[in-house]
Amino acid sequence: MRIMIIRHGKVNMKWPKFCSSSEFDMACAEYDRSDLESINITPLNEQIGRIYVSKLSRSVNTAKILFPDKDYCETPEIGEVPLISFMDTEKRLPLWIWNSLGRVQWYIGNTRQLEIRNGTVQRANKVVDFLESENEDCILITHGFFMKTLVRIFKNRGYSLSGNKMLEIKNLQTIWAEKQQV
């Protein structure tokens, strides 16, 4: 079974450099609604089975660009790990602080975040369980932060991985997960 995992295309949105908690939350919501930047790429012609996308438009729109003549299966489980402000304040802080401390809260299980690490791991395991039950080659068009957890689950389950697995997963980056049948 071969699984092609692709991070969505670059979103056409300019993040604020400094923001209050409410401004950060609004920016995160805007990011989820925003269109993609123009992608100058030749559509892929992978003969690989089903294409799964998240419910977020950036995943669906990436699929339409990369695989224009294919049908897609919307799968909310491969959606991004949601992020909200780590505290309520009108003080305007740098964007990197909002992102970093929100992800620290996710990691340590602080329930201020809408999903914590254990929930993300469970969701990723559910995705892999489903794919293994389907037992067919497929494509997942998903999101960077969730993709890190998903790739780790594939690795823990004995899949061989190819493609750049660096700390930062770039837009349109592809990672292949493959498991030999026993």
N, C-alpha and C. Protein backbone atom coordinates (compact mmCIF):
# COMPACT_ATOMS: atom_id res chain seq x y z
N MET A 1 0.85 -1.18 0.00
CA MET A 1 0.00 0.00 0.00
C MET A 1 0.89 1.24 0.00
N ARG A 2 0.65 2.15 -0.94
CA ARG A 2 1.40 3.40 -1.05
C ARG A 2 0.45 4.57 -0.80
N ILE A 3 0.89 5.49 0.01
CA ILE A 3 0.08 6.66 0.34
C ILE A 3 0.91 7.90 0.05
N MET A 4 0.36 8.75 -0.81
CA MET A 4 1.00 10.02 -1.14
C MET A 4 0.36 11.09 -0.25
N ILE A 5 1.17 11.72 0.59
CA ILE A 5 0.68 12.73 1.53
C ILE A 5 1.19 14.08 1.05
N ILE A 6 0.27 15.00 0.79
CA ILE A 6 0.63 16.30 0.24
C ILE A 6 0.12 17.39 1.17
N ARG A 7 0.98 18.37 1.47
CA ARG A 7 0.50 19.55 2.18
C ARG A 7 -0.12 20.49 1.15
N HIS A 8 -1.22 21.11 1.52
CA HIS A 8 -1.95 22.04 0.64
C HIS A 8 -1.05 23.15 0.10
N GLY A 9 -1.54 23.84 -0.93
CA GLY A 9 -0.83 24.99 -1.50
C GLY A 9 -0.79 26.17 -0.55
N LYS A 10 0.01 27.15 -0.90
CA LYS A 10 0.18 28.35 -0.06
C LYS A 10 -1.09 29.19 -0.06
N VAL A 11 -1.48 29.60 1.12
CA VAL A 11 -2.70 30.39 1.31
C VAL A 11 -2.41 31.86 1.05
N ASN A 12 -3.35 32.50 0.36
CA ASN A 12 -3.22 33.91 0.01
C ASN A 12 -3.74 34.78 1.15
N MET A 13 -2.87 34.96 2.15
CA MET A 13 -3.25 35.77 3.30
C MET A 13 -1.99 36.34 3.93
N LYS A 14 -2.08 37.58 4.34
CA LYS A 14 -0.95 38.20 5.03
C LYS A 14 -1.28 38.21 6.52
N TRP A 15 -0.47 37.50 7.27
CA TRP A 15 -0.67 37.45 8.72
C TRP A 15 -0.20 38.77 9.34
N PRO A 16 -0.89 39.22 10.41
CA PRO A 16 -0.42 40.42 11.11
C PRO A 16 0.89 40.11 11.85
N LYS A 17 1.75 41.09 11.98
CA LYS A 17 3.01 40.88 12.71
C LYS A 17 2.79 40.91 14.22
N PHE A 18 1.83 41.74 14.64
CA PHE A 18 1.47 41.85 16.06
C PHE A 18 -0.04 41.79 16.16
N CYS A 19 -0.55 41.16 17.22
CA CYS A 19 -2.01 41.12 17.38
C CYS A 19 -2.39 40.82 18.82
N SER A 20 -3.60 41.23 19.16
CA SER A 20 -4.18 40.88 20.45
C SER A 20 -4.74 39.46 20.33
N SER A 21 -5.25 38.92 21.41
CA SER A 21 -5.79 37.55 21.36
C SER A 21 -6.98 37.47 20.39
N SER A 22 -7.87 38.46 20.43
CA SER A 22 -9.02 38.41 19.53
C SER A 22 -8.59 38.59 18.07
N GLU A 23 -7.60 39.43 17.83
CA GLU A 23 -7.10 39.62 16.47
C GLU A 23 -6.42 38.33 15.96
N PHE A 24 -5.70 37.65 16.84
CA PHE A 24 -5.07 36.38 16.45
C PHE A 24 -6.14 35.34 16.09
N ASP A 25 -7.17 35.23 16.92
CA ASP A 25 -8.25 34.27 16.64
C ASP A 25 -8.96 34.59 15.33
N MET A 26 -9.17 35.89 15.05
CA MET A 26 -9.79 36.29 13.78
C MET A 26 -8.88 35.96 12.60
N ALA A 27 -7.57 36.16 12.78
CA ALA A 27 -6.63 35.84 11.70
C ALA A 27 -6.61 34.34 11.42
N CYS A 28 -6.66 33.53 12.45
CA CYS A 28 -6.71 32.06 12.26
C CYS A 28 -7.97 31.66 11.50
N ALA A 29 -9.10 32.27 11.85
CA ALA A 29 -10.36 31.98 11.15
C ALA A 29 -10.29 32.45 9.70
N GLU A 30 -9.68 33.62 9.47
CA GLU A 30 -9.53 34.12 8.11
C GLU A 30 -8.65 33.18 7.28
N TYR A 31 -7.59 32.68 7.87
CA TYR A 31 -6.69 31.75 7.19
C TYR A 31 -7.48 30.52 6.72
N ASP A 32 -8.37 30.02 7.57
CA ASP A 32 -9.17 28.85 7.21
C ASP A 32 -10.14 29.12 6.08
N ARG A 33 -10.52 30.39 5.87
CA ARG A 33 -11.47 30.75 4.81
C ARG A 33 -10.79 31.24 3.53
N SER A 34 -9.51 31.53 3.60
CA SER A 34 -8.83 32.19 2.48
C SER A 34 -8.56 31.24 1.31
N ASP A 35 -8.48 31.85 0.12
CA ASP A 35 -8.13 31.11 -1.09
C ASP A 35 -6.64 30.86 -1.14
N LEU A 36 -6.24 30.04 -2.10
CA LEU A 36 -4.83 29.77 -2.33
C LEU A 36 -4.21 30.86 -3.18
N GLU A 37 -2.90 31.05 -3.02
CA GLU A 37 -2.17 31.85 -3.98
C GLU A 37 -2.16 31.08 -5.29
N SER A 38 -1.92 31.76 -6.36
CA SER A 38 -1.84 31.11 -7.66
C SER A 38 -0.73 30.06 -7.65
N ILE A 39 -1.05 28.87 -8.12
CA ILE A 39 -0.08 27.78 -8.16
C ILE A 39 0.25 27.52 -9.62
N ASN A 40 1.51 27.70 -9.95
CA ASN A 40 1.96 27.43 -11.31
C ASN A 40 2.62 26.06 -11.32
N ILE A 41 1.79 25.02 -11.48
CA ILE A 41 2.28 23.66 -11.42
C ILE A 41 1.50 22.81 -12.43
N THR A 42 2.16 21.88 -13.02
CA THR A 42 1.51 20.97 -13.94
C THR A 42 0.68 19.98 -13.12
N PRO A 43 -0.58 19.75 -13.48
CA PRO A 43 -1.37 18.76 -12.73
C PRO A 43 -0.66 17.41 -12.71
N LEU A 44 -0.82 16.71 -11.61
CA LEU A 44 -0.19 15.40 -11.45
C LEU A 44 -1.06 14.34 -12.12
N ASN A 45 -0.42 13.32 -12.60
CA ASN A 45 -1.15 12.24 -13.26
C ASN A 45 -0.88 10.92 -12.54
N GLU A 46 -1.01 10.95 -11.23
CA GLU A 46 -0.80 9.75 -10.43
C GLU A 46 -2.00 8.81 -10.60
N GLN A 47 -1.71 7.58 -10.88
CA GLN A 47 -2.75 6.54 -10.96
C GLN A 47 -2.71 5.80 -9.63
N ILE A 48 -3.34 6.38 -8.64
CA ILE A 48 -3.12 5.86 -7.30
C ILE A 48 -4.39 5.59 -6.50
N GLY A 49 -5.53 5.72 -7.05
CA GLY A 49 -6.74 5.43 -6.29
C GLY A 49 -7.41 6.68 -5.78
N ARG A 50 -8.04 6.54 -4.63
CA ARG A 50 -8.82 7.65 -4.07
C ARG A 50 -7.94 8.81 -3.63
N ILE A 51 -8.56 9.99 -3.68
CA ILE A 51 -7.93 11.21 -3.18
C ILE A 51 -8.78 11.72 -2.03
N TYR A 52 -8.15 11.83 -0.87
CA TYR A 52 -8.84 12.30 0.32
C TYR A 52 -8.41 13.74 0.62
N VAL A 53 -9.38 14.60 0.90
CA VAL A 53 -9.13 16.00 1.24
C VAL A 53 -9.81 16.30 2.56
N SER A 54 -9.32 17.34 3.24
CA SER A 54 -9.99 17.78 4.46
C SER A 54 -11.18 18.66 4.09
N LYS A 55 -11.91 19.11 5.08
CA LYS A 55 -13.06 19.98 4.79
C LYS A 55 -12.65 21.43 4.57
N LEU A 56 -11.38 21.77 4.83
CA LEU A 56 -10.91 23.14 4.64
C LEU A 56 -10.66 23.41 3.16
N SER A 57 -11.06 24.58 2.71
CA SER A 57 -11.01 24.90 1.28
C SER A 57 -9.61 24.82 0.69
N ARG A 58 -8.57 25.09 1.49
CA ARG A 58 -7.22 25.04 0.93
C ARG A 58 -6.82 23.62 0.53
N SER A 59 -7.36 22.63 1.19
CA SER A 59 -7.10 21.24 0.83
C SER A 59 -7.87 20.87 -0.44
N VAL A 60 -9.14 21.23 -0.48
CA VAL A 60 -9.99 20.94 -1.65
C VAL A 60 -9.46 21.65 -2.89
N ASN A 61 -9.11 22.94 -2.75
CA ASN A 61 -8.63 23.71 -3.89
C ASN A 61 -7.28 23.19 -4.40
N THR A 62 -6.45 22.72 -3.51
CA THR A 62 -5.19 22.10 -3.93
C THR A 62 -5.47 20.86 -4.76
N ALA A 63 -6.42 20.06 -4.33
CA ALA A 63 -6.79 18.85 -5.09
C ALA A 63 -7.29 19.22 -6.48
N LYS A 64 -8.09 20.27 -6.56
CA LYS A 64 -8.62 20.69 -7.86
C LYS A 64 -7.52 21.12 -8.81
N ILE A 65 -6.45 21.70 -8.28
CA ILE A 65 -5.33 22.14 -9.11
C ILE A 65 -4.44 20.96 -9.49
N LEU A 66 -4.11 20.12 -8.51
CA LEU A 66 -3.19 19.01 -8.77
C LEU A 66 -3.83 17.85 -9.54
N PHE A 67 -5.11 17.64 -9.30
CA PHE A 67 -5.82 16.51 -9.90
C PHE A 67 -7.17 16.99 -10.46
N PRO A 68 -7.15 17.80 -11.51
CA PRO A 68 -8.37 18.47 -11.96
C PRO A 68 -9.46 17.54 -12.48
N ASP A 69 -9.12 16.37 -12.93
CA ASP A 69 -10.12 15.46 -13.51
C ASP A 69 -10.50 14.33 -12.57
N LYS A 70 -10.22 14.46 -11.31
CA LYS A 70 -10.49 13.39 -10.34
C LYS A 70 -11.57 13.81 -9.36
N ASP A 71 -12.18 12.81 -8.75
CA ASP A 71 -13.13 13.04 -7.67
C ASP A 71 -12.37 12.96 -6.34
N TYR A 72 -12.91 13.62 -5.32
CA TYR A 72 -12.26 13.67 -4.03
C TYR A 72 -13.23 13.20 -2.95
N CYS A 73 -12.68 12.59 -1.93
CA CYS A 73 -13.46 12.17 -0.76
C CYS A 73 -13.12 13.11 0.39
N GLU A 74 -14.11 13.89 0.84
CA GLU A 74 -13.87 14.80 1.96
C GLU A 74 -13.81 14.00 3.25
N THR A 75 -12.71 14.17 3.97
CA THR A 75 -12.45 13.42 5.19
C THR A 75 -12.03 14.40 6.29
N PRO A 76 -12.94 14.80 7.16
CA PRO A 76 -12.60 15.81 8.17
C PRO A 76 -11.45 15.39 9.08
N GLU A 77 -11.23 14.09 9.23
CA GLU A 77 -10.17 13.62 10.13
C GLU A 77 -8.77 14.05 9.70
N ILE A 78 -8.58 14.43 8.42
CA ILE A 78 -7.24 14.86 8.00
C ILE A 78 -7.10 16.38 8.01
N GLY A 79 -8.03 17.04 8.69
CA GLY A 79 -7.98 18.50 8.80
C GLY A 79 -6.85 18.96 9.71
N GLU A 80 -6.57 20.25 9.65
CA GLU A 80 -5.50 20.83 10.45
C GLU A 80 -5.84 20.81 11.94
N VAL A 81 -4.81 20.80 12.75
CA VAL A 81 -4.96 20.93 14.19
C VAL A 81 -5.34 22.39 14.45
N PRO A 82 -6.53 22.64 15.01
CA PRO A 82 -6.95 24.04 15.20
C PRO A 82 -6.06 24.74 16.22
N LEU A 83 -5.93 26.04 16.05
CA LEU A 83 -5.11 26.85 16.95
C LEU A 83 -5.88 28.11 17.31
N ILE A 84 -5.91 28.40 18.60
CA ILE A 84 -6.50 29.65 19.07
C ILE A 84 -5.49 30.33 20.01
N SER A 85 -5.79 31.56 20.39
CA SER A 85 -4.91 32.32 21.26
C SER A 85 -4.66 31.56 22.57
N PHE A 86 -3.46 31.70 23.10
CA PHE A 86 -3.09 30.97 24.33
C PHE A 86 -3.62 31.65 25.59
N MET A 87 -4.07 32.91 25.47
CA MET A 87 -4.67 33.63 26.59
C MET A 87 -5.50 34.78 26.03
N ASP A 88 -6.32 35.35 26.88
CA ASP A 88 -7.12 36.51 26.49
C ASP A 88 -6.40 37.78 26.94
N THR A 89 -6.12 38.64 25.97
CA THR A 89 -5.49 39.92 26.29
C THR A 89 -5.69 40.88 25.13
N GLU A 90 -5.75 42.16 25.46
CA GLU A 90 -5.78 43.19 24.42
C GLU A 90 -4.36 43.62 24.05
N LYS A 91 -3.39 43.16 24.82
CA LYS A 91 -2.00 43.48 24.51
C LYS A 91 -1.62 42.84 23.18
N ARG A 92 -0.97 43.62 22.33
CA ARG A 92 -0.58 43.13 21.01
C ARG A 92 0.81 42.51 21.09
N LEU A 93 0.86 41.21 20.83
CA LEU A 93 2.11 40.44 20.91
C LEU A 93 2.53 40.01 19.52
N PRO A 94 3.82 39.70 19.33
CA PRO A 94 4.27 39.22 18.03
C PRO A 94 3.58 37.90 17.66
N LEU A 95 3.33 37.74 16.38
CA LEU A 95 2.64 36.55 15.87
C LEU A 95 3.34 35.27 16.30
N TRP A 96 4.67 35.24 16.28
CA TRP A 96 5.39 34.01 16.61
C TRP A 96 5.11 33.58 18.05
N ILE A 97 4.84 34.53 18.94
CA ILE A 97 4.50 34.16 20.32
C ILE A 97 3.14 33.48 20.37
N TRP A 98 2.17 34.03 19.65
CA TRP A 98 0.84 33.41 19.62
C TRP A 98 0.92 31.98 19.08
N ASN A 99 1.64 31.82 17.96
CA ASN A 99 1.78 30.48 17.36
C ASN A 99 2.52 29.53 18.29
N SER A 100 3.64 29.97 18.81
CA SER A 100 4.49 29.09 19.62
C SER A 100 3.80 28.66 20.92
N LEU A 101 3.25 29.62 21.66
CA LEU A 101 2.65 29.27 22.94
C LEU A 101 1.34 28.50 22.77
N GLY A 102 0.62 28.77 21.69
CA GLY A 102 -0.57 27.96 21.40
C GLY A 102 -0.21 26.51 21.13
N ARG A 103 0.88 26.29 20.39
CA ARG A 103 1.31 24.92 20.10
C ARG A 103 1.92 24.26 21.34
N VAL A 104 2.55 25.04 22.23
CA VAL A 104 3.02 24.48 23.50
C VAL A 104 1.81 23.99 24.30
N GLN A 105 0.74 24.79 24.34
CA GLN A 105 -0.48 24.36 25.04
C GLN A 105 -1.02 23.07 24.44
N TRP A 106 -1.02 22.97 23.11
CA TRP A 106 -1.45 21.73 22.44
C TRP A 106 -0.60 20.57 22.92
N TYR A 107 0.70 20.78 22.94
CA TYR A 107 1.63 19.71 23.28
C TYR A 107 1.45 19.22 24.72
N ILE A 108 1.28 20.14 25.66
CA ILE A 108 1.17 19.74 27.07
C ILE A 108 -0.25 19.36 27.48
N GLY A 109 -1.20 19.53 26.57
CA GLY A 109 -2.57 19.12 26.86
C GLY A 109 -3.42 20.18 27.53
N ASN A 110 -3.08 21.43 27.36
CA ASN A 110 -3.88 22.51 27.94
C ASN A 110 -5.21 22.59 27.18
N THR A 111 -6.30 22.47 27.90
CA THR A 111 -7.61 22.40 27.26
C THR A 111 -8.11 23.74 26.73
N ARG A 112 -7.33 24.78 26.84
CA ARG A 112 -7.71 26.03 26.17
C ARG A 112 -7.72 25.80 24.66
N GLN A 113 -6.79 24.98 24.17
CA GLN A 113 -6.76 24.66 22.74
C GLN A 113 -7.93 23.73 22.41
N LEU A 114 -8.46 23.87 21.22
CA LEU A 114 -9.64 23.11 20.80
C LEU A 114 -9.34 21.62 20.64
N GLU A 115 -8.08 21.30 20.37
CA GLU A 115 -7.63 19.91 20.29
C GLU A 115 -6.26 19.85 20.93
N ILE A 116 -6.03 18.83 21.74
CA ILE A 116 -4.71 18.65 22.35
C ILE A 116 -4.00 17.48 21.66
N ARG A 117 -2.73 17.33 21.99
CA ARG A 117 -1.88 16.35 21.31
C ARG A 117 -2.49 14.95 21.31
N ASN A 118 -2.99 14.50 22.45
CA ASN A 118 -3.58 13.15 22.50
C ASN A 118 -4.73 13.01 21.50
N GLY A 119 -5.53 14.06 21.36
CA GLY A 119 -6.63 14.02 20.40
C GLY A 119 -6.13 13.97 18.97
N THR A 120 -5.06 14.70 18.69
CA THR A 120 -4.48 14.68 17.34
C THR A 120 -3.90 13.31 17.03
N VAL A 121 -3.21 12.72 18.00
CA VAL A 121 -2.64 11.39 17.81
C VAL A 121 -3.76 10.36 17.58
N GLN A 122 -4.83 10.45 18.35
CA GLN A 122 -5.96 9.54 18.16
C GLN A 122 -6.57 9.71 16.77
N ARG A 123 -6.70 10.95 16.34
CA ARG A 123 -7.27 11.23 15.01
C ARG A 123 -6.37 10.67 13.91
N ALA A 124 -5.06 10.85 14.05
CA ALA A 124 -4.12 10.33 13.06
C ALA A 124 -4.15 8.81 13.04
N ASN A 125 -4.23 8.18 14.20
CA ASN A 125 -4.33 6.72 14.26
C ASN A 125 -5.62 6.24 13.60
N LYS A 126 -6.69 6.98 13.79
CA LYS A 126 -7.97 6.64 13.16
C LYS A 126 -7.85 6.70 11.63
N VAL A 127 -7.14 7.71 11.13
CA VAL A 127 -6.92 7.85 9.69
C VAL A 127 -6.14 6.64 9.16
N VAL A 128 -5.06 6.29 9.84
CA VAL A 128 -4.24 5.16 9.39
C VAL A 128 -5.03 3.86 9.50
N ASP A 129 -5.81 3.68 10.57
CA ASP A 129 -6.66 2.49 10.68
C ASP A 129 -7.60 2.38 9.49
N PHE A 130 -8.23 3.50 9.14
CA PHE A 130 -9.15 3.51 8.00
C PHE A 130 -8.43 3.16 6.71
N LEU A 131 -7.28 3.77 6.47
CA LEU A 131 -6.53 3.51 5.24
C LEU A 131 -6.10 2.05 5.17
N GLU A 132 -5.69 1.50 6.29
CA GLU A 132 -5.29 0.09 6.31
C GLU A 132 -6.49 -0.82 6.06
N SER A 133 -7.66 -0.44 6.55
CA SER A 133 -8.85 -1.26 6.29
C SER A 133 -9.26 -1.20 4.81
N GLU A 134 -9.03 -0.05 4.18
CA GLU A 134 -9.31 0.09 2.75
C GLU A 134 -8.26 -0.63 1.92
N ASN A 135 -7.04 -0.66 2.41
CA ASN A 135 -5.93 -1.39 1.80
C ASN A 135 -5.75 -1.09 0.31
N GLU A 136 -5.72 0.20 -0.01
CA GLU A 136 -5.48 0.59 -1.39
C GLU A 136 -4.58 1.82 -1.44
N ASP A 137 -3.86 1.96 -2.53
CA ASP A 137 -3.04 3.15 -2.72
C ASP A 137 -3.96 4.37 -2.75
N CYS A 138 -3.49 5.48 -2.20
CA CYS A 138 -4.33 6.68 -2.16
C CYS A 138 -3.48 7.93 -2.00
N ILE A 139 -4.16 9.06 -2.04
CA ILE A 139 -3.54 10.37 -1.86
C ILE A 139 -4.29 11.10 -0.74
N LEU A 140 -3.54 11.72 0.16
CA LEU A 140 -4.11 12.56 1.20
C LEU A 140 -3.62 13.98 0.97
N ILE A 141 -4.52 14.93 0.88
CA ILE A 141 -4.13 16.34 0.81
C ILE A 141 -4.55 16.97 2.13
N THR A 142 -3.54 17.25 2.94
CA THR A 142 -3.79 17.62 4.32
C THR A 142 -3.02 18.89 4.69
N HIS A 143 -2.67 19.03 5.95
CA HIS A 143 -2.16 20.28 6.51
C HIS A 143 -0.87 20.04 7.28
N GLY A 144 -0.01 21.06 7.32
CA GLY A 144 1.34 20.92 7.83
C GLY A 144 1.46 20.40 9.25
N PHE A 145 0.75 20.98 10.20
CA PHE A 145 0.92 20.55 11.58
C PHE A 145 0.36 19.15 11.79
N PHE A 146 -0.80 18.87 11.20
CA PHE A 146 -1.37 17.53 11.31
C PHE A 146 -0.48 16.51 10.61
N MET A 147 0.11 16.92 9.48
CA MET A 147 0.96 16.04 8.69
C MET A 147 2.14 15.53 9.51
N LYS A 148 2.71 16.36 10.38
CA LYS A 148 3.82 15.94 11.23
C LYS A 148 3.41 14.76 12.12
N THR A 149 2.24 14.86 12.72
CA THR A 149 1.76 13.78 13.57
C THR A 149 1.45 12.55 12.74
N LEU A 150 0.80 12.73 11.60
CA LEU A 150 0.43 11.61 10.74
C LEU A 150 1.66 10.84 10.26
N VAL A 151 2.69 11.56 9.84
CA VAL A 151 3.92 10.92 9.36
C VAL A 151 4.57 10.11 10.49
N ARG A 152 4.55 10.67 11.70
CA ARG A 152 5.10 9.94 12.85
C ARG A 152 4.33 8.65 13.11
N ILE A 153 3.01 8.69 12.96
CA ILE A 153 2.20 7.48 13.16
C ILE A 153 2.54 6.44 12.09
N PHE A 154 2.65 6.87 10.83
CA PHE A 154 3.05 5.93 9.78
C PHE A 154 4.39 5.29 10.11
N LYS A 155 5.34 6.09 10.55
CA LYS A 155 6.67 5.57 10.88
C LYS A 155 6.58 4.55 12.02
N ASN A 156 5.82 4.89 13.06
CA ASN A 156 5.67 3.98 14.21
C ASN A 156 4.99 2.67 13.82
N ARG A 157 4.21 2.69 12.77
CA ARG A 157 3.52 1.48 12.33
C ARG A 157 4.29 0.70 11.26
N GLY A 158 5.52 1.09 11.04
CA GLY A 158 6.38 0.31 10.16
C GLY A 158 6.34 0.68 8.69
N TYR A 159 5.80 1.82 8.36
CA TYR A 159 5.81 2.28 6.97
C TYR A 159 7.18 2.84 6.65
N SER A 160 7.63 2.63 5.42
CA SER A 160 8.83 3.32 4.97
C SER A 160 8.39 4.66 4.41
N LEU A 161 9.17 5.68 4.71
CA LEU A 161 8.82 7.05 4.31
C LEU A 161 9.87 7.58 3.35
N SER A 162 9.40 8.30 2.34
CA SER A 162 10.33 8.98 1.45
C SER A 162 9.79 10.38 1.17
N GLY A 163 10.71 11.28 0.88
CA GLY A 163 10.34 12.69 0.74
C GLY A 163 10.95 13.43 1.90
N ASN A 164 10.95 14.72 1.83
CA ASN A 164 11.56 15.53 2.87
C ASN A 164 10.74 15.45 4.15
N LYS A 165 11.33 14.98 5.21
CA LYS A 165 10.64 14.85 6.49
C LYS A 165 11.21 15.82 7.53
N MET A 166 11.64 16.97 7.06
CA MET A 166 12.26 17.96 7.95
C MET A 166 11.23 18.53 8.92
N LEU A 167 11.73 19.30 9.87
CA LEU A 167 10.88 19.89 10.90
C LEU A 167 9.75 20.71 10.30
N GLU A 168 10.06 21.52 9.30
CA GLU A 168 9.03 22.33 8.66
C GLU A 168 8.59 21.66 7.36
N ILE A 169 7.31 21.43 7.24
CA ILE A 169 6.76 20.84 6.02
C ILE A 169 6.25 21.98 5.15
N LYS A 170 6.81 22.12 3.98
CA LYS A 170 6.50 23.23 3.07
C LYS A 170 5.20 22.98 2.33
N ASN A 171 4.61 24.07 1.81
CA ASN A 171 3.41 23.95 0.99
C ASN A 171 3.72 23.11 -0.25
N LEU A 172 2.79 22.25 -0.59
CA LEU A 172 2.87 21.32 -1.73
C LEU A 172 3.94 20.24 -1.56
N GLN A 173 4.53 20.15 -0.38
CA GLN A 173 5.51 19.09 -0.14
C GLN A 173 4.81 17.74 -0.13
N THR A 174 5.47 16.76 -0.70
CA THR A 174 4.93 15.41 -0.77
C THR A 174 5.80 14.45 0.03
N ILE A 175 5.17 13.63 0.81
CA ILE A 175 5.84 12.54 1.52
C ILE A 175 5.09 11.26 1.16
N TRP A 176 5.84 10.23 0.81
CA TRP A 176 5.26 8.92 0.50
C TRP A 176 5.40 8.02 1.71
N ALA A 177 4.33 7.31 2.05
CA ALA A 177 4.35 6.28 3.09
C ALA A 177 3.99 4.96 2.39
N GLU A 178 4.82 3.96 2.61
CA GLU A 178 4.60 2.68 1.94
C GLU A 178 4.77 1.55 2.92
N LYS A 179 3.86 0.60 2.85
CA LYS A 179 3.95 -0.59 3.70
C LYS A 179 3.86 -1.80 2.81
N GLN A 180 4.85 -2.66 2.95
CA GLN A 180 4.85 -3.90 2.18
C GLN A 180 3.85 -4.86 2.79
N GLN A 181 3.13 -5.56 1.93
CA GLN A 181 2.20 -6.58 2.39
C GLN A 181 2.99 -7.78 2.91
N VAL A 182 2.57 -8.35 4.01
CA VAL A 182 3.26 -9.50 4.60
C VAL A 182 2.62 -10.78 4.12
